[in-house]
Amino acid sequence: MRRLPVIVLALALAAALPACGKKGDPGTVPGGNYPTSYPQR
């Protein structure tokens, strides 16, 4: 029974990992200004 909280915590952390990270480049929005070009020095 002592291992149950550790196993639950490990499963919760493993399930949360895919939620982190880059999902991809943002799409274009009609009327939006992305990607923005910035002036070079």
Protein backbone atom coordinates (compact mmCIF):
# COMPACT_ATOMS: atom_id res chain seq x y z
CA MET A 1 0.00 0.00 0.00
CA ARG A 2 2.92 2.35 0.51
CA ARG A 3 3.81 2.13 -3.18
CA LEU A 4 0.40 3.25 -4.40
CA PRO A 5 0.93 7.02 -3.89
CA VAL A 6 4.31 6.80 -5.63
CA ILE A 7 2.82 4.93 -8.57
CA VAL A 8 -0.07 7.39 -8.85
CA LEU A 9 2.35 10.33 -8.75
CA ALA A 10 4.56 8.77 -11.42
CA LEU A 11 1.55 8.13 -13.67
CA ALA A 12 0.29 11.69 -13.18
CA LEU A 13 3.69 13.12 -14.11
CA ALA A 14 3.97 10.86 -17.14
CA ALA A 15 0.50 11.89 -18.30
CA ALA A 16 1.31 15.60 -17.91
CA LEU A 17 4.53 15.49 -19.97
CA PRO A 18 2.84 15.40 -23.41
CA ALA A 19 1.02 18.62 -22.50
CA CYS A 20 4.34 20.46 -22.39
CA GLY A 21 6.32 21.56 -25.37
CA LYS A 22 5.79 23.23 -28.71
CA LYS A 23 2.72 22.13 -30.60
CA GLY A 24 3.72 23.81 -33.86
CA ASP A 25 3.92 27.19 -35.47
CA PRO A 26 0.89 29.43 -35.00
CA GLY A 27 -1.42 29.58 -37.97
CA THR A 28 -2.30 32.69 -39.88
CA VAL A 29 -5.25 34.68 -38.63
CA PRO A 30 -7.29 36.69 -41.11
CA GLY A 31 -6.48 40.34 -40.49
CA GLY A 32 -3.59 39.43 -38.21
CA ASN A 33 -0.01 40.64 -38.55
CA TYR A 34 1.83 37.37 -37.93
CA PRO A 35 4.59 36.82 -38.90
CA THR A 36 5.82 40.30 -38.17
CA SER A 37 9.00 41.48 -39.87
CA TYR A 38 11.14 43.64 -37.63
CA PRO A 39 13.62 46.24 -38.89
CA GLN A 40 17.22 45.17 -39.01
CA ARG A 41 19.96 47.29 -37.49
